[in-house]
Amino acid sequence: MTINKEDLLNSIIESLGRIQHVELDDIPNIDLYMDQVTTFMEKKLKSTTRNPKEDKILTKTMINNYAKNDLLPPPVKKKYSKDHMILLIFIYYYKGILSIGDIQTLLKPLTEKYFHTGGESGLSSVYEEVFSLENDEIVDLKDSIIRKFNISRNTFKDAPPEDQEFLQLFSFISMLSYDVYVKKLLIEKMIDAFHTAASPAEKPGSPEARSKTP
């Protein structure tokens, strides 16, 4: 097993530089039918998948399930608005780390207060504000990844030469994984805090809440 760790790090850093969210101005201002929605998402988010040739961004079944589980307001005359598209983009990013129930909890107050309100207090303004943080966050991520990479290179110094490369790579992956693990726990705790004022039927772990998870 031979891995050029410098090439690996450079590849990771370069891939971070290529990460871009869907610009608000690129989201159509006209209502779209289901097929148009999936085509748009496929075009804009395909590069974020692990296997672009195989992985699906969004399917009709997914969208119908989101509406069924109250993550997404129903379409109007089978058409989806710009606000629908914004919510679908949020769902896409969250579903990789959160359960359907947690996403519902997170998006419900957002939908109730900002969906189809328009103007400066609508979902578009929320979307733009949140994603404006992206550039600074990517800089911080790069610094954190480089630091973890350098730490990993100093692990297992006494390991057999034929094992050292893999073990150091394992250290690097473990540090990145621990970072994700801790942040996921923090996110879940914050989402659970949203339930403190919720009715018993909506609190985590209740039969009603569990029944909404596909």
C-alpha atoms as a PDB file:
ATOM      1  CA  MET A   1       0.000   0.000   0.000  1.00  0.00           C
ATOM      2  CA  THR A   2       1.642   3.217  -1.160  1.00  0.00           C
ATOM      3  CA  ILE A   3      -0.025   6.580  -0.718  1.00  0.00           C
ATOM      4  CA  ASN A   4       1.597   9.891  -1.447  1.00  0.00           C
ATOM      5  CA  LYS A   5       0.338  11.792   1.587  1.00  0.00           C
ATOM      6  CA  GLU A   6       1.372  15.173   0.199  1.00  0.00           C
ATOM      7  CA  ASP A   7      -0.632  14.518  -2.962  1.00  0.00           C
ATOM      8  CA  LEU A   8      -3.555  13.396  -0.836  1.00  0.00           C
ATOM      9  CA  LEU A   9      -3.494  16.576   1.238  1.00  0.00           C
ATOM     10  CA  ASN A  10      -3.172  18.780  -1.848  1.00  0.00           C
ATOM     11  CA  SER A  11      -6.102  16.975  -3.451  1.00  0.00           C
ATOM     12  CA  ILE A  12      -8.249  17.525  -0.353  1.00  0.00           C
ATOM     13  CA  ILE A  13      -7.365  21.219  -0.151  1.00  0.00           C
ATOM     14  CA  GLU A  14      -8.038  21.697  -3.862  1.00  0.00           C
ATOM     15  CA  SER A  15     -11.418  19.978  -3.565  1.00  0.00           C
ATOM     16  CA  LEU A  16     -12.380  22.334  -0.726  1.00  0.00           C
ATOM     17  CA  GLY A  17     -11.571  25.249  -2.978  1.00  0.00           C
ATOM     18  CA  ARG A  18     -13.993  23.906  -5.574  1.00  0.00           C
ATOM     19  CA  ILE A  19     -16.917  23.630  -3.167  1.00  0.00           C
ATOM     20  CA  GLN A  20     -19.583  26.139  -4.070  1.00  0.00           C
ATOM     21  CA  HIS A  21     -23.182  26.461  -2.990  1.00  0.00           C
ATOM     22  CA  VAL A  22     -26.031  27.152  -5.376  1.00  0.00           C
ATOM     23  CA  GLU A  23     -26.149  30.919  -5.832  1.00  0.00           C
ATOM     24  CA  LEU A  24     -29.463  32.498  -4.935  1.00  0.00           C
ATOM     25  CA  ASP A  25     -29.646  34.239  -8.321  1.00  0.00           C
ATOM     26  CA  ASP A  26     -29.283  30.858 -10.045  1.00  0.00           C
ATOM     27  CA  ILE A  27     -32.447  29.503  -8.439  1.00  0.00           C
ATOM     28  CA  PRO A  28     -35.336  30.124 -10.862  1.00  0.00           C
ATOM     29  CA  ASN A  29     -37.860  32.779  -9.870  1.00  0.00           C
ATOM     30  CA  ILE A  30     -40.572  30.906 -11.723  1.00  0.00           C
ATOM     31  CA  ASP A  31     -42.481  27.907 -10.394  1.00  0.00           C
ATOM     32  CA  LEU A  32     -41.236  24.539 -11.633  1.00  0.00           C
ATOM     33  CA  TYR A  33     -42.750  21.130 -12.204  1.00  0.00           C
ATOM     34  CA  MET A  34     -41.235  18.094 -10.484  1.00  0.00           C
ATOM     35  CA  ASP A  35     -39.083  17.063 -13.470  1.00  0.00           C
ATOM     36  CA  GLN A  36     -37.670  20.587 -13.733  1.00  0.00           C
ATOM     37  CA  VAL A  37     -36.828  20.594 -10.032  1.00  0.00           C
ATOM     38  CA  THR A  38     -34.898  17.315 -10.183  1.00  0.00           C
ATOM     39  CA  THR A  39     -33.087  18.395 -13.355  1.00  0.00           C
ATOM     40  CA  PHE A  40     -32.008  21.683 -11.768  1.00  0.00           C
ATOM     41  CA  MET A  41     -30.760  20.000  -8.588  1.00  0.00           C
ATOM     42  CA  GLU A  42     -28.919  17.364 -10.591  1.00  0.00           C
ATOM     43  CA  LYS A  43     -27.143  20.014 -12.619  1.00  0.00           C
ATOM     44  CA  LYS A  44     -26.189  22.243  -9.708  1.00  0.00           C
ATOM     45  CA  LEU A  45     -25.263  19.672  -7.056  1.00  0.00           C
ATOM     46  CA  LYS A  46     -23.910  16.705  -9.006  1.00  0.00           C
ATOM     47  CA  SER A  47     -20.310  17.704  -8.299  1.00  0.00           C
ATOM     48  CA  THR A  48     -20.897  17.323  -4.540  1.00  0.00           C
ATOM     49  CA  THR A  49     -21.572  13.580  -4.779  1.00  0.00           C
ATOM     50  CA  ARG A  50     -19.049  10.840  -4.110  1.00  0.00           C
ATOM     51  CA  ASN A  51     -19.830   9.055  -7.391  1.00  0.00           C
ATOM     52  CA  PRO A  52     -21.209  11.680  -9.810  1.00  0.00           C
ATOM     53  CA  LYS A  53     -21.968   9.086 -12.485  1.00  0.00           C
ATOM     54  CA  GLU A  54     -24.114   6.980 -10.170  1.00  0.00           C
ATOM     55  CA  ASP A  55     -25.391   8.996  -7.195  1.00  0.00           C
ATOM     56  CA  LYS A  56     -28.778  10.669  -7.386  1.00  0.00           C
ATOM     57  CA  ILE A  57     -29.211  14.149  -5.945  1.00  0.00           C
ATOM     58  CA  LEU A  58     -32.968  14.186  -5.728  1.00  0.00           C
ATOM     59  CA  THR A  59     -35.719  11.902  -6.973  1.00  0.00           C
ATOM     60  CA  LYS A  60     -39.481  12.270  -7.244  1.00  0.00           C
ATOM     61  CA  THR A  61     -39.872   9.739  -4.436  1.00  0.00           C
ATOM     62  CA  MET A  62     -37.582  11.778  -2.166  1.00  0.00           C
ATOM     63  CA  ILE A  63     -39.519  14.985  -2.796  1.00  0.00           C
ATOM     64  CA  ASN A  64     -42.846  13.259  -2.170  1.00  0.00           C
ATOM     65  CA  ASN A  65     -41.485  11.787   1.077  1.00  0.00           C
ATOM     66  CA  TYR A  66     -40.262  15.198   2.221  1.00  0.00           C
ATOM     67  CA  ALA A  67     -43.738  16.637   1.686  1.00  0.00           C
ATOM     68  CA  LYS A  68     -45.329  13.605   3.377  1.00  0.00           C
ATOM     69  CA  ASN A  69     -43.080  14.038   6.431  1.00  0.00           C
ATOM     70  CA  ASP A  70     -43.701  17.801   6.687  1.00  0.00           C
ATOM     71  CA  LEU A  71     -40.206  18.832   5.671  1.00  0.00           C
ATOM     72  CA  LEU A  72     -41.552  20.555   2.577  1.00  0.00           C
ATOM     73  CA  PRO A  73     -44.824  22.410   2.060  1.00  0.00           C
ATOM     74  CA  PRO A  74     -46.944  20.831  -0.687  1.00  0.00           C
ATOM     75  CA  PRO A  75     -46.601  22.206  -4.222  1.00  0.00           C
ATOM     76  CA  VAL A  76     -49.240  24.524  -5.625  1.00  0.00           C
ATOM     77  CA  LYS A  77     -50.920  23.006  -8.688  1.00  0.00           C
ATOM     78  CA  LYS A  78     -47.998  20.548  -8.909  1.00  0.00           C
ATOM     79  CA  LYS A  79     -45.481  23.399  -9.129  1.00  0.00           C
ATOM     80  CA  TYR A  80     -42.616  24.238  -6.789  1.00  0.00           C
ATOM     81  CA  SER A  81     -41.607  27.803  -5.988  1.00  0.00           C
ATOM     82  CA  LYS A  82     -38.198  29.346  -5.323  1.00  0.00           C
ATOM     83  CA  ASP A  83     -38.849  28.907  -1.603  1.00  0.00           C
ATOM     84  CA  HIS A  84     -39.474  25.182  -2.199  1.00  0.00           C
ATOM     85  CA  MET A  85     -36.117  25.011  -3.975  1.00  0.00           C
ATOM     86  CA  ILE A  86     -34.330  26.740  -1.097  1.00  0.00           C
ATOM     87  CA  LEU A  87     -35.773  24.255   1.402  1.00  0.00           C
ATOM     88  CA  LEU A  88     -34.780  21.333  -0.826  1.00  0.00           C
ATOM     89  CA  ILE A  89     -31.192  22.608  -0.937  1.00  0.00           C
ATOM     90  CA  PHE A  90     -31.105  22.860   2.859  1.00  0.00           C
ATOM     91  CA  ILE A  91     -32.537  19.326   3.124  1.00  0.00           C
ATOM     92  CA  TYR A  92     -29.925  18.024   0.695  1.00  0.00           C
ATOM     93  CA  TYR A  93     -27.047  19.326   2.811  1.00  0.00           C
ATOM     94  CA  TYR A  94     -28.535  18.252   6.133  1.00  0.00           C
ATOM     95  CA  LYS A  95     -29.633  14.743   5.193  1.00  0.00           C
ATOM     96  CA  GLY A  96     -26.046  13.482   5.124  1.00  0.00           C
ATOM     97  CA  ILE A  97     -25.649  14.062   8.861  1.00  0.00           C
ATOM     98  CA  LEU A  98     -29.122  14.397  10.396  1.00  0.00           C
ATOM     99  CA  SER A  99     -32.202  12.209  10.636  1.00  0.00           C
ATOM    100  CA  ILE A 100     -35.412  13.152   8.849  1.00  0.00           C
ATOM    101  CA  GLY A 101     -36.960  13.952  12.237  1.00  0.00           C
ATOM    102  CA  ASP A 102     -34.129  16.328  13.163  1.00  0.00           C
ATOM    103  CA  ILE A 103     -34.307  18.082   9.804  1.00  0.00           C
ATOM    104  CA  GLN A 104     -38.042  18.519  10.269  1.00  0.00           C
ATOM    105  CA  THR A 105     -37.471  20.061  13.705  1.00  0.00           C
ATOM    106  CA  LEU A 106     -34.814  22.401  12.330  1.00  0.00           C
ATOM    107  CA  LEU A 107     -36.761  23.566   9.291  1.00  0.00           C
ATOM    108  CA  LYS A 108     -40.264  23.776  10.783  1.00  0.00           C
ATOM    109  CA  PRO A 109     -39.867  27.203  12.461  1.00  0.00           C
ATOM    110  CA  LEU A 110     -38.031  28.460   9.384  1.00  0.00           C
ATOM    111  CA  THR A 111     -40.872  27.350   7.112  1.00  0.00           C
ATOM    112  CA  GLU A 112     -43.619  28.654   9.390  1.00  0.00           C
ATOM    113  CA  LYS A 113     -42.065  32.109   9.671  1.00  0.00           C
ATOM    114  CA  TYR A 114     -40.396  32.706   6.304  1.00  0.00           C
ATOM    115  CA  PHE A 115     -41.951  30.470   3.640  1.00  0.00           C
ATOM    116  CA  HIS A 116     -43.631  32.582   0.935  1.00  0.00           C
ATOM    117  CA  THR A 117     -43.357  35.792   2.981  1.00  0.00           C
ATOM    118  CA  GLY A 118     -41.157  37.491   0.373  1.00  0.00           C
ATOM    119  CA  GLY A 119     -39.225  40.719   0.749  1.00  0.00           C
ATOM    120  CA  GLU A 120     -36.268  41.169   3.068  1.00  0.00           C
ATOM    121  CA  SER A 121     -37.694  38.792   5.671  1.00  0.00           C
ATOM    122  CA  GLY A 122     -38.246  35.815   3.366  1.00  0.00           C
ATOM    123  CA  LEU A 123     -36.422  32.542   2.860  1.00  0.00           C
ATOM    124  CA  SER A 124     -34.223  34.099   0.179  1.00  0.00           C
ATOM    125  CA  SER A 125     -32.705  36.491   2.712  1.00  0.00           C
ATOM    126  CA  VAL A 126     -32.125  33.634   5.175  1.00  0.00           C
ATOM    127  CA  TYR A 127     -30.468  31.553   2.458  1.00  0.00           C
ATOM    128  CA  GLU A 128     -28.195  34.380   1.358  1.00  0.00           C
ATOM    129  CA  GLU A 129     -27.146  35.248   4.901  1.00  0.00           C
ATOM    130  CA  VAL A 130     -26.331  31.637   5.832  1.00  0.00           C
ATOM    131  CA  PHE A 131     -24.296  30.911   2.719  1.00  0.00           C
ATOM    132  CA  SER A 132     -22.416  34.206   2.945  1.00  0.00           C
ATOM    133  CA  LEU A 133     -20.465  32.511   5.751  1.00  0.00           C
ATOM    134  CA  GLU A 134     -19.101  29.900   3.349  1.00  0.00           C
ATOM    135  CA  ASN A 135     -15.819  31.529   2.301  1.00  0.00           C
ATOM    136  CA  ASP A 136     -14.577  32.194   5.833  1.00  0.00           C
ATOM    137  CA  GLU A 137     -15.633  28.699   6.896  1.00  0.00           C
ATOM    138  CA  ILE A 138     -13.662  27.082   4.070  1.00  0.00           C
ATOM    139  CA  VAL A 139     -10.527  28.999   5.115  1.00  0.00           C
ATOM    140  CA  ASP A 140     -10.937  27.724   8.685  1.00  0.00           C
ATOM    141  CA  LEU A 141     -11.545  24.179   7.423  1.00  0.00           C
ATOM    142  CA  LYS A 142      -8.374  24.226   5.345  1.00  0.00           C
ATOM    143  CA  ASP A 143      -6.321  25.363   8.340  1.00  0.00           C
ATOM    144  CA  SER A 144      -7.883  22.680  10.540  1.00  0.00           C
ATOM    145  CA  ILE A 145      -7.286  19.913   7.984  1.00  0.00           C
ATOM    146  CA  ILE A 146      -3.655  20.901   7.449  1.00  0.00           C
ATOM    147  CA  ARG A 147      -3.068  20.960  11.214  1.00  0.00           C
ATOM    148  CA  LYS A 148      -4.590  17.493  11.669  1.00  0.00           C
ATOM    149  CA  PHE A 149      -2.602  16.193   8.715  1.00  0.00           C
ATOM    150  CA  ASN A 150       0.686  17.420  10.217  1.00  0.00           C
ATOM    151  CA  ILE A 151      -0.187  15.877  13.586  1.00  0.00           C
ATOM    152  CA  SER A 152      -0.957  12.537  11.942  1.00  0.00           C
ATOM    153  CA  ARG A 153       2.472  12.474  10.269  1.00  0.00           C
ATOM    154  CA  ASN A 154       4.082  12.358  13.700  1.00  0.00           C
ATOM    155  CA  THR A 155       2.110   9.354  14.924  1.00  0.00           C
ATOM    156  CA  PHE A 156       3.280   5.720  14.988  1.00  0.00           C
ATOM    157  CA  LYS A 157       6.944   6.657  14.640  1.00  0.00           C
ATOM    158  CA  ASP A 158       7.944   3.292  16.102  1.00  0.00           C
ATOM    159  CA  ALA A 159       5.659   1.216  13.871  1.00  0.00           C
ATOM    160  CA  PRO A 160       7.200  -1.136  11.285  1.00  0.00           C
ATOM    161  CA  PRO A 161       7.952   0.782   8.065  1.00  0.00           C
ATOM    162  CA  GLU A 162       5.525  -1.338   6.069  1.00  0.00           C
ATOM    163  CA  ASP A 163       2.700  -0.392   8.508  1.00  0.00           C
ATOM    164  CA  GLN A 164       3.555   3.202   9.266  1.00  0.00           C
ATOM    165  CA  GLU A 165       1.997   4.753   6.172  1.00  0.00           C
ATOM    166  CA  PHE A 166      -1.385   3.114   6.693  1.00  0.00           C
ATOM    167  CA  LEU A 167      -1.405   3.806  10.441  1.00  0.00           C
ATOM    168  CA  GLN A 168      -0.652   7.490   9.888  1.00  0.00           C
ATOM    169  CA  LEU A 169      -3.421   7.704   7.322  1.00  0.00           C
ATOM    170  CA  PHE A 170      -5.709   5.962   9.815  1.00  0.00           C
ATOM    171  CA  SER A 171      -4.759   8.591  12.420  1.00  0.00           C
ATOM    172  CA  PHE A 172      -5.628  11.379   9.986  1.00  0.00           C
ATOM    173  CA  ILE A 173      -9.013   9.856   9.125  1.00  0.00           C
ATOM    174  CA  SER A 174      -9.741   9.229  12.814  1.00  0.00           C
ATOM    175  CA  MET A 175      -9.084  12.857  13.739  1.00  0.00           C
ATOM    176  CA  LEU A 176     -11.332  14.083  10.945  1.00  0.00           C
ATOM    177  CA  SER A 177     -13.989  11.566  11.971  1.00  0.00           C
ATOM    178  CA  TYR A 178     -13.831  12.613  15.623  1.00  0.00           C
ATOM    179  CA  ASP A 179     -14.324  16.225  14.565  1.00  0.00           C
ATOM    180  CA  VAL A 180     -17.449  15.246  12.612  1.00  0.00           C
ATOM    181  CA  TYR A 181     -18.679  13.052  15.478  1.00  0.00           C
ATOM    182  CA  VAL A 182     -18.410  15.817  18.084  1.00  0.00           C
ATOM    183  CA  LYS A 183     -20.023  18.428  15.850  1.00  0.00           C
ATOM    184  CA  LYS A 184     -22.871  16.043  15.062  1.00  0.00           C
ATOM    185  CA  LEU A 185     -23.491  15.522  18.786  1.00  0.00           C
ATOM    186  CA  LEU A 186     -23.537  19.288  19.337  1.00  0.00           C
ATOM    187  CA  ILE A 187     -25.968  19.821  16.455  1.00  0.00           C
ATOM    188  CA  GLU A 188     -28.286  17.101  17.799  1.00  0.00           C
ATOM    189  CA  LYS A 189     -28.233  18.655  21.276  1.00  0.00           C
ATOM    190  CA  MET A 190     -29.139  22.060  19.856  1.00  0.00           C
ATOM    191  CA  ILE A 191     -31.967  20.546  17.823  1.00  0.00           C
ATOM    192  CA  ASP A 192     -33.247  18.740  20.927  1.00  0.00           C
ATOM    193  CA  ALA A 193     -33.382  22.145  22.633  1.00  0.00           C
ATOM    194  CA  PHE A 194     -35.982  23.208  20.063  1.00  0.00           C
ATOM    195  CA  HIS A 195     -38.314  20.624  21.602  1.00  0.00           C
ATOM    196  CA  THR A 196     -38.420  22.207  25.053  1.00  0.00           C
ATOM    197  CA  ALA A 197     -41.424  24.300  24.075  1.00  0.00           C
ATOM    198  CA  ALA A 198     -42.954  21.689  21.767  1.00  0.00           C
ATOM    199  CA  SER A 199     -46.052  19.660  22.535  1.00  0.00           C
ATOM    200  CA  PRO A 200     -45.496  16.086  23.828  1.00  0.00           C
ATOM    201  CA  ALA A 201     -46.525  14.684  20.444  1.00  0.00           C
ATOM    202  CA  GLU A 202     -43.647  16.518  18.780  1.00  0.00           C
ATOM    203  CA  LYS A 203     -40.894  15.752  21.293  1.00  0.00           C
ATOM    204  CA  PRO A 204     -38.034  13.406  20.290  1.00  0.00           C
ATOM    205  CA  GLY A 205     -38.726   9.765  21.009  1.00  0.00           C
ATOM    206  CA  SER A 206     -42.510  10.062  21.138  1.00  0.00           C
ATOM    207  CA  PRO A 207     -44.512   7.557  19.026  1.00  0.00           C
ATOM    208  CA  GLU A 208     -45.877  10.448  16.968  1.00  0.00           C
ATOM    209  CA  ALA A 209     -42.419  11.788  16.183  1.00  0.00           C
ATOM    210  CA  ARG A 210     -41.052   8.339  15.354  1.00  0.00           C
ATOM    211  CA  SER A 211     -43.936   7.637  13.019  1.00  0.00           C
ATOM    212  CA  LYS A 212     -42.894  10.559  10.840  1.00  0.00           C
ATOM    213  CA  THR A 213     -39.493   9.079  10.129  1.00  0.00           C
ATOM    214  CA  PRO A 214     -39.504   7.034   6.871  1.00  0.00           C
END
